[in-house]
């Protein structure tokens, strides 16, 4: 298991690729401010981060502001969450997850 401090980082098209190339697990949450389920999922991501979970870094990508990045991962519905392991996509979940669901999503891919 990789030990990485979990951090919520807002990404844009130009910084996304560099941030994604880090070793270990990275959670990328695709969202938009007008999306109700996205707004409901944000506190869950923050709670995961606040618990001090150090197994994954969290990146947030606003699909309205970063259409190029969203299109490159074929994001059609939000919230969409992709789990990357050392820069490679290993799992994807579309829709809202509970905190426990998020933990399971991460743990099954470690």
N, C-alpha and C. Protein backbone atom coordinates (compact mmCIF):
# COMPACT_ATOMS: atom_id res chain seq x y z
N UNK A 1 0.84 -1.18 0.00
CA UNK A 1 0.00 0.00 0.00
C UNK A 1 0.89 1.24 0.00
N UNK A 2 0.51 2.20 -0.81
CA UNK A 2 1.22 3.48 -0.87
C UNK A 2 0.71 4.40 0.22
N UNK A 3 1.58 5.13 0.85
CA UNK A 3 1.19 6.07 1.89
C UNK A 3 1.31 7.48 1.33
N UNK A 4 0.17 8.09 1.02
CA UNK A 4 0.13 9.45 0.47
C UNK A 4 -0.88 10.23 1.29
N UNK A 5 -0.51 11.42 1.68
CA UNK A 5 -1.44 12.28 2.41
C UNK A 5 -2.61 12.61 1.49
N UNK A 6 -3.80 12.37 1.97
CA UNK A 6 -5.00 12.70 1.21
C UNK A 6 -5.17 14.22 1.18
N UNK A 7 -5.34 14.76 -0.01
CA UNK A 7 -5.46 16.20 -0.16
C UNK A 7 -6.53 16.50 -1.21
N UNK A 8 -7.42 17.42 -0.89
CA UNK A 8 -8.40 17.88 -1.87
C UNK A 8 -7.77 18.97 -2.71
N UNK A 9 -7.64 18.75 -4.00
CA UNK A 9 -7.00 19.71 -4.89
C UNK A 9 -7.93 19.99 -6.06
N UNK A 10 -8.22 21.26 -6.30
CA UNK A 10 -9.01 21.64 -7.47
C UNK A 10 -8.07 21.70 -8.67
N UNK A 11 -8.41 20.99 -9.72
CA UNK A 11 -7.52 20.86 -10.87
C UNK A 11 -8.05 21.66 -12.06
N UNK A 12 -7.13 21.98 -12.99
CA UNK A 12 -7.53 22.52 -14.28
C UNK A 12 -6.82 21.72 -15.36
N UNK A 13 -7.17 21.97 -16.62
CA UNK A 13 -6.61 21.18 -17.73
C UNK A 13 -5.09 21.17 -17.72
N UNK A 14 -4.46 22.29 -17.40
CA UNK A 14 -3.00 22.37 -17.52
C UNK A 14 -2.27 21.69 -16.37
N UNK A 15 -2.87 21.59 -15.19
CA UNK A 15 -2.17 20.98 -14.05
C UNK A 15 -2.56 19.53 -13.82
N UNK A 16 -3.62 19.09 -14.44
CA UNK A 16 -4.16 17.76 -14.17
C UNK A 16 -3.17 16.65 -14.46
N UNK A 17 -2.57 16.64 -15.63
CA UNK A 17 -1.68 15.54 -16.03
C UNK A 17 -0.50 15.40 -15.09
N UNK A 18 0.10 16.53 -14.69
CA UNK A 18 1.24 16.47 -13.77
C UNK A 18 0.84 15.89 -12.42
N UNK A 19 -0.29 16.31 -11.91
CA UNK A 19 -0.75 15.86 -10.59
C UNK A 19 -1.12 14.39 -10.62
N UNK A 20 -1.63 13.93 -11.73
CA UNK A 20 -2.08 12.54 -11.87
C UNK A 20 -0.92 11.55 -11.93
N UNK A 21 0.23 11.98 -12.33
CA UNK A 21 1.36 11.08 -12.52
C UNK A 21 2.05 10.65 -11.23
N UNK A 22 1.56 11.11 -10.09
CA UNK A 22 2.19 10.73 -8.83
C UNK A 22 1.98 9.24 -8.56
N UNK A 23 2.88 8.67 -7.82
CA UNK A 23 2.81 7.25 -7.47
C UNK A 23 1.71 7.03 -6.44
N UNK A 24 1.08 5.90 -6.50
CA UNK A 24 0.03 5.57 -5.53
C UNK A 24 -1.36 5.82 -6.09
N UNK A 25 -2.32 5.90 -5.19
CA UNK A 25 -3.72 6.05 -5.58
C UNK A 25 -4.12 7.52 -5.63
N UNK A 26 -4.88 7.85 -6.67
CA UNK A 26 -5.43 9.19 -6.83
C UNK A 26 -6.90 9.06 -7.19
N UNK A 27 -7.75 9.73 -6.43
CA UNK A 27 -9.18 9.78 -6.70
C UNK A 27 -9.43 11.06 -7.48
N UNK A 28 -10.08 10.94 -8.63
CA UNK A 28 -10.42 12.14 -9.41
C UNK A 28 -11.94 12.22 -9.47
N UNK A 29 -12.47 13.30 -8.89
CA UNK A 29 -13.91 13.53 -8.86
C UNK A 29 -14.25 14.60 -9.89
N UNK A 30 -15.06 14.23 -10.88
CA UNK A 30 -15.54 15.16 -11.90
C UNK A 30 -16.88 15.70 -11.43
N UNK A 31 -17.05 17.02 -11.38
CA UNK A 31 -18.21 17.66 -10.79
C UNK A 31 -18.51 18.98 -11.50
N UNK A 32 -19.62 19.59 -11.10
CA UNK A 32 -19.99 20.94 -11.54
C UNK A 32 -20.77 21.61 -10.41
N UNK A 33 -20.66 22.93 -10.29
CA UNK A 33 -21.34 23.61 -9.19
C UNK A 33 -22.87 23.55 -9.26
N UNK A 34 -23.44 23.37 -10.42
CA UNK A 34 -24.89 23.31 -10.59
C UNK A 34 -25.46 21.92 -10.32
N UNK A 35 -24.61 20.94 -10.13
CA UNK A 35 -25.01 19.53 -9.98
C UNK A 35 -25.33 19.22 -8.52
N UNK A 36 -26.61 18.94 -8.23
CA UNK A 36 -27.03 18.63 -6.86
C UNK A 36 -26.29 17.44 -6.25
N UNK A 37 -26.25 16.28 -6.93
CA UNK A 37 -25.52 15.15 -6.37
C UNK A 37 -24.02 15.46 -6.16
N UNK A 38 -23.45 16.30 -7.02
CA UNK A 38 -22.04 16.69 -6.84
C UNK A 38 -21.87 17.47 -5.55
N UNK A 39 -22.81 18.38 -5.28
CA UNK A 39 -22.75 19.16 -4.05
C UNK A 39 -22.94 18.27 -2.83
N UNK A 40 -23.72 17.21 -2.97
CA UNK A 40 -23.92 16.27 -1.87
C UNK A 40 -22.68 15.40 -1.65
N UNK A 41 -21.94 15.13 -2.72
CA UNK A 41 -20.75 14.28 -2.62
C UNK A 41 -19.54 15.03 -2.07
N UNK A 42 -19.49 16.35 -2.26
CA UNK A 42 -18.34 17.14 -1.81
C UNK A 42 -18.06 16.96 -0.31
N UNK A 43 -19.08 17.04 0.57
CA UNK A 43 -18.78 16.85 2.00
C UNK A 43 -18.31 15.43 2.33
N UNK A 44 -18.71 14.46 1.52
CA UNK A 44 -18.26 13.08 1.74
C UNK A 44 -16.76 12.99 1.44
N UNK A 45 -16.34 13.61 0.33
CA UNK A 45 -14.91 13.64 0.02
C UNK A 45 -14.13 14.38 1.11
N UNK A 46 -14.71 15.48 1.59
CA UNK A 46 -14.05 16.25 2.65
C UNK A 46 -13.98 15.44 3.94
N UNK A 47 -15.03 14.68 4.26
CA UNK A 47 -15.03 13.84 5.45
C UNK A 47 -13.97 12.75 5.34
N UNK A 48 -13.86 12.17 4.15
CA UNK A 48 -12.82 11.15 3.93
C UNK A 48 -11.44 11.76 4.17
N UNK A 49 -11.22 12.95 3.64
CA UNK A 49 -9.96 13.65 3.82
C UNK A 49 -9.73 14.01 5.29
N UNK A 50 -10.77 14.48 5.97
CA UNK A 50 -10.65 14.91 7.37
C UNK A 50 -10.37 13.75 8.31
N UNK A 51 -10.77 12.54 7.93
CA UNK A 51 -10.49 11.37 8.76
C UNK A 51 -9.01 11.03 8.79
N UNK A 52 -8.24 11.70 7.95
CA UNK A 52 -6.81 11.43 7.92
C UNK A 52 -6.44 10.20 7.12
N UNK A 53 -7.34 9.77 6.26
CA UNK A 53 -7.01 8.64 5.39
C UNK A 53 -5.83 9.05 4.52
N UNK A 54 -4.79 8.23 4.55
CA UNK A 54 -3.57 8.58 3.82
C UNK A 54 -3.29 7.62 2.69
N UNK A 55 -4.34 6.96 2.18
CA UNK A 55 -4.13 5.98 1.14
C UNK A 55 -4.38 6.52 -0.26
N UNK A 56 -4.92 7.74 -0.39
CA UNK A 56 -5.20 8.28 -1.72
C UNK A 56 -5.22 9.80 -1.69
N UNK A 57 -4.79 10.37 -2.79
CA UNK A 57 -4.88 11.81 -3.01
C UNK A 57 -6.20 12.07 -3.73
N UNK A 58 -6.86 13.19 -3.42
CA UNK A 58 -8.15 13.51 -4.02
C UNK A 58 -8.00 14.75 -4.90
N UNK A 59 -8.38 14.60 -6.17
CA UNK A 59 -8.39 15.72 -7.11
C UNK A 59 -9.82 15.97 -7.54
N UNK A 60 -10.20 17.23 -7.67
CA UNK A 60 -11.53 17.60 -8.13
C UNK A 60 -11.40 18.36 -9.44
N UNK A 61 -12.19 17.96 -10.43
CA UNK A 61 -12.16 18.59 -11.75
C UNK A 61 -13.55 19.11 -12.08
N UNK A 62 -13.68 20.43 -12.21
CA UNK A 62 -14.94 21.06 -12.61
C UNK A 62 -15.10 20.84 -14.12
N UNK A 63 -16.13 20.09 -14.50
CA UNK A 63 -16.30 19.73 -15.92
C UNK A 63 -16.64 20.93 -16.79
N UNK A 64 -17.26 21.96 -16.22
CA UNK A 64 -17.59 23.16 -17.00
C UNK A 64 -16.34 23.96 -17.33
N UNK A 65 -15.41 24.01 -16.43
CA UNK A 65 -14.19 24.79 -16.63
C UNK A 65 -13.07 23.99 -17.29
N UNK A 66 -13.19 22.66 -17.30
CA UNK A 66 -12.13 21.80 -17.80
C UNK A 66 -12.71 20.76 -18.75
N UNK A 67 -13.34 21.25 -19.81
CA UNK A 67 -14.01 20.36 -20.75
C UNK A 67 -13.05 19.40 -21.44
N UNK A 68 -11.82 19.86 -21.69
CA UNK A 68 -10.84 19.00 -22.36
C UNK A 68 -10.52 17.76 -21.51
N UNK A 69 -10.28 17.97 -20.24
CA UNK A 69 -9.97 16.85 -19.34
C UNK A 69 -11.18 15.93 -19.21
N UNK A 70 -12.37 16.49 -19.01
CA UNK A 70 -13.58 15.68 -18.88
C UNK A 70 -13.83 14.86 -20.14
N UNK A 71 -13.65 15.48 -21.30
CA UNK A 71 -13.85 14.77 -22.56
C UNK A 71 -12.84 13.65 -22.75
N UNK A 72 -11.61 13.87 -22.31
CA UNK A 72 -10.58 12.84 -22.50
C UNK A 72 -10.88 11.57 -21.71
N UNK A 73 -11.69 11.69 -20.65
CA UNK A 73 -12.09 10.51 -19.86
C UNK A 73 -13.53 10.12 -20.12
N UNK A 74 -14.12 10.70 -21.17
CA UNK A 74 -15.48 10.39 -21.60
C UNK A 74 -16.49 10.52 -20.46
N UNK A 75 -16.39 11.62 -19.74
CA UNK A 75 -17.33 11.89 -18.66
C UNK A 75 -18.64 12.36 -19.27
N UNK A 76 -19.69 11.59 -19.11
CA UNK A 76 -21.00 11.90 -19.68
C UNK A 76 -22.02 12.25 -18.59
N UNK A 77 -21.80 11.76 -17.38
CA UNK A 77 -22.68 12.02 -16.24
C UNK A 77 -21.82 12.36 -15.04
N UNK A 78 -22.35 13.24 -14.19
CA UNK A 78 -21.62 13.60 -12.99
C UNK A 78 -22.54 13.49 -11.78
N UNK A 79 -21.98 13.28 -10.59
CA UNK A 79 -20.56 13.14 -10.32
C UNK A 79 -20.02 11.82 -10.87
N UNK A 80 -18.82 11.89 -11.36
CA UNK A 80 -18.10 10.71 -11.81
C UNK A 80 -16.77 10.68 -11.07
N UNK A 81 -16.41 9.52 -10.59
CA UNK A 81 -15.18 9.37 -9.82
C UNK A 81 -14.35 8.27 -10.45
N UNK A 82 -13.12 8.61 -10.79
CA UNK A 82 -12.19 7.63 -11.36
C UNK A 82 -11.05 7.45 -10.39
N UNK A 83 -10.69 6.20 -10.15
CA UNK A 83 -9.56 5.88 -9.29
C UNK A 83 -8.38 5.52 -10.17
N UNK A 84 -7.28 6.20 -9.94
CA UNK A 84 -6.04 5.96 -10.67
C UNK A 84 -5.01 5.34 -9.74
N UNK A 85 -4.24 4.43 -10.27
CA UNK A 85 -3.14 3.82 -9.53
C UNK A 85 -1.87 4.09 -10.32
N UNK A 86 -1.01 4.92 -9.74
CA UNK A 86 0.24 5.33 -10.39
C UNK A 86 -0.01 5.86 -11.81
N UNK A 87 -1.05 6.68 -11.94
CA UNK A 87 -1.34 7.34 -13.21
C UNK A 87 -2.23 6.58 -14.17
N UNK A 88 -2.58 5.34 -13.85
CA UNK A 88 -3.43 4.52 -14.73
C UNK A 88 -4.82 4.36 -14.12
N UNK A 89 -5.87 4.60 -14.91
CA UNK A 89 -7.24 4.43 -14.43
C UNK A 89 -7.49 2.95 -14.14
N UNK A 90 -7.99 2.66 -12.93
CA UNK A 90 -8.26 1.27 -12.56
C UNK A 90 -9.73 1.01 -12.23
N UNK A 91 -10.50 2.07 -11.95
CA UNK A 91 -11.91 1.88 -11.63
C UNK A 91 -12.65 3.20 -11.83
N UNK A 92 -13.95 3.11 -12.10
CA UNK A 92 -14.77 4.30 -12.32
C UNK A 92 -16.14 4.08 -11.70
N UNK A 93 -16.67 5.11 -11.08
CA UNK A 93 -18.00 5.05 -10.48
C UNK A 93 -18.74 6.33 -10.86
N UNK A 94 -19.94 6.20 -11.38
CA UNK A 94 -20.76 7.36 -11.71
C UNK A 94 -21.88 7.44 -10.68
N UNK A 95 -22.06 8.63 -10.13
CA UNK A 95 -23.11 8.83 -9.14
C UNK A 95 -22.56 9.09 -7.76
N UNK A 96 -23.47 9.32 -6.86
CA UNK A 96 -23.16 9.64 -5.48
C UNK A 96 -22.76 8.38 -4.72
N UNK A 97 -21.75 8.49 -3.87
CA UNK A 97 -21.34 7.39 -3.00
C UNK A 97 -21.42 7.86 -1.56
N UNK A 98 -21.72 6.95 -0.67
CA UNK A 98 -21.63 7.24 0.76
C UNK A 98 -20.16 7.22 1.16
N UNK A 99 -19.86 7.67 2.36
CA UNK A 99 -18.49 7.61 2.85
C UNK A 99 -18.00 6.18 2.88
N UNK A 100 -18.84 5.27 3.34
CA UNK A 100 -18.46 3.85 3.37
C UNK A 100 -18.26 3.31 1.96
N UNK A 101 -19.14 3.72 1.03
CA UNK A 101 -19.00 3.30 -0.36
C UNK A 101 -17.70 3.80 -0.98
N UNK A 102 -17.32 5.04 -0.64
CA UNK A 102 -16.06 5.59 -1.13
C UNK A 102 -14.88 4.79 -0.59
N UNK A 103 -14.93 4.45 0.68
CA UNK A 103 -13.85 3.66 1.29
C UNK A 103 -13.73 2.29 0.61
N UNK A 104 -14.88 1.67 0.32
CA UNK A 104 -14.86 0.36 -0.36
C UNK A 104 -14.33 0.48 -1.78
N UNK A 105 -14.73 1.55 -2.48
CA UNK A 105 -14.27 1.81 -3.84
C UNK A 105 -12.74 1.89 -3.86
N UNK A 106 -12.17 2.55 -2.86
CA UNK A 106 -10.71 2.69 -2.78
C UNK A 106 -10.05 1.39 -2.35
N UNK A 107 -10.58 0.75 -1.31
CA UNK A 107 -9.91 -0.44 -0.76
C UNK A 107 -9.90 -1.62 -1.71
N UNK A 108 -10.92 -1.75 -2.55
CA UNK A 108 -10.94 -2.90 -3.46
C UNK A 108 -9.91 -2.74 -4.60
N UNK A 109 -9.30 -1.57 -4.70
CA UNK A 109 -8.32 -1.33 -5.76
C UNK A 109 -6.90 -1.09 -5.24
N UNK A 110 -6.67 -1.35 -3.97
CA UNK A 110 -5.33 -1.10 -3.42
C UNK A 110 -4.39 -2.22 -3.75
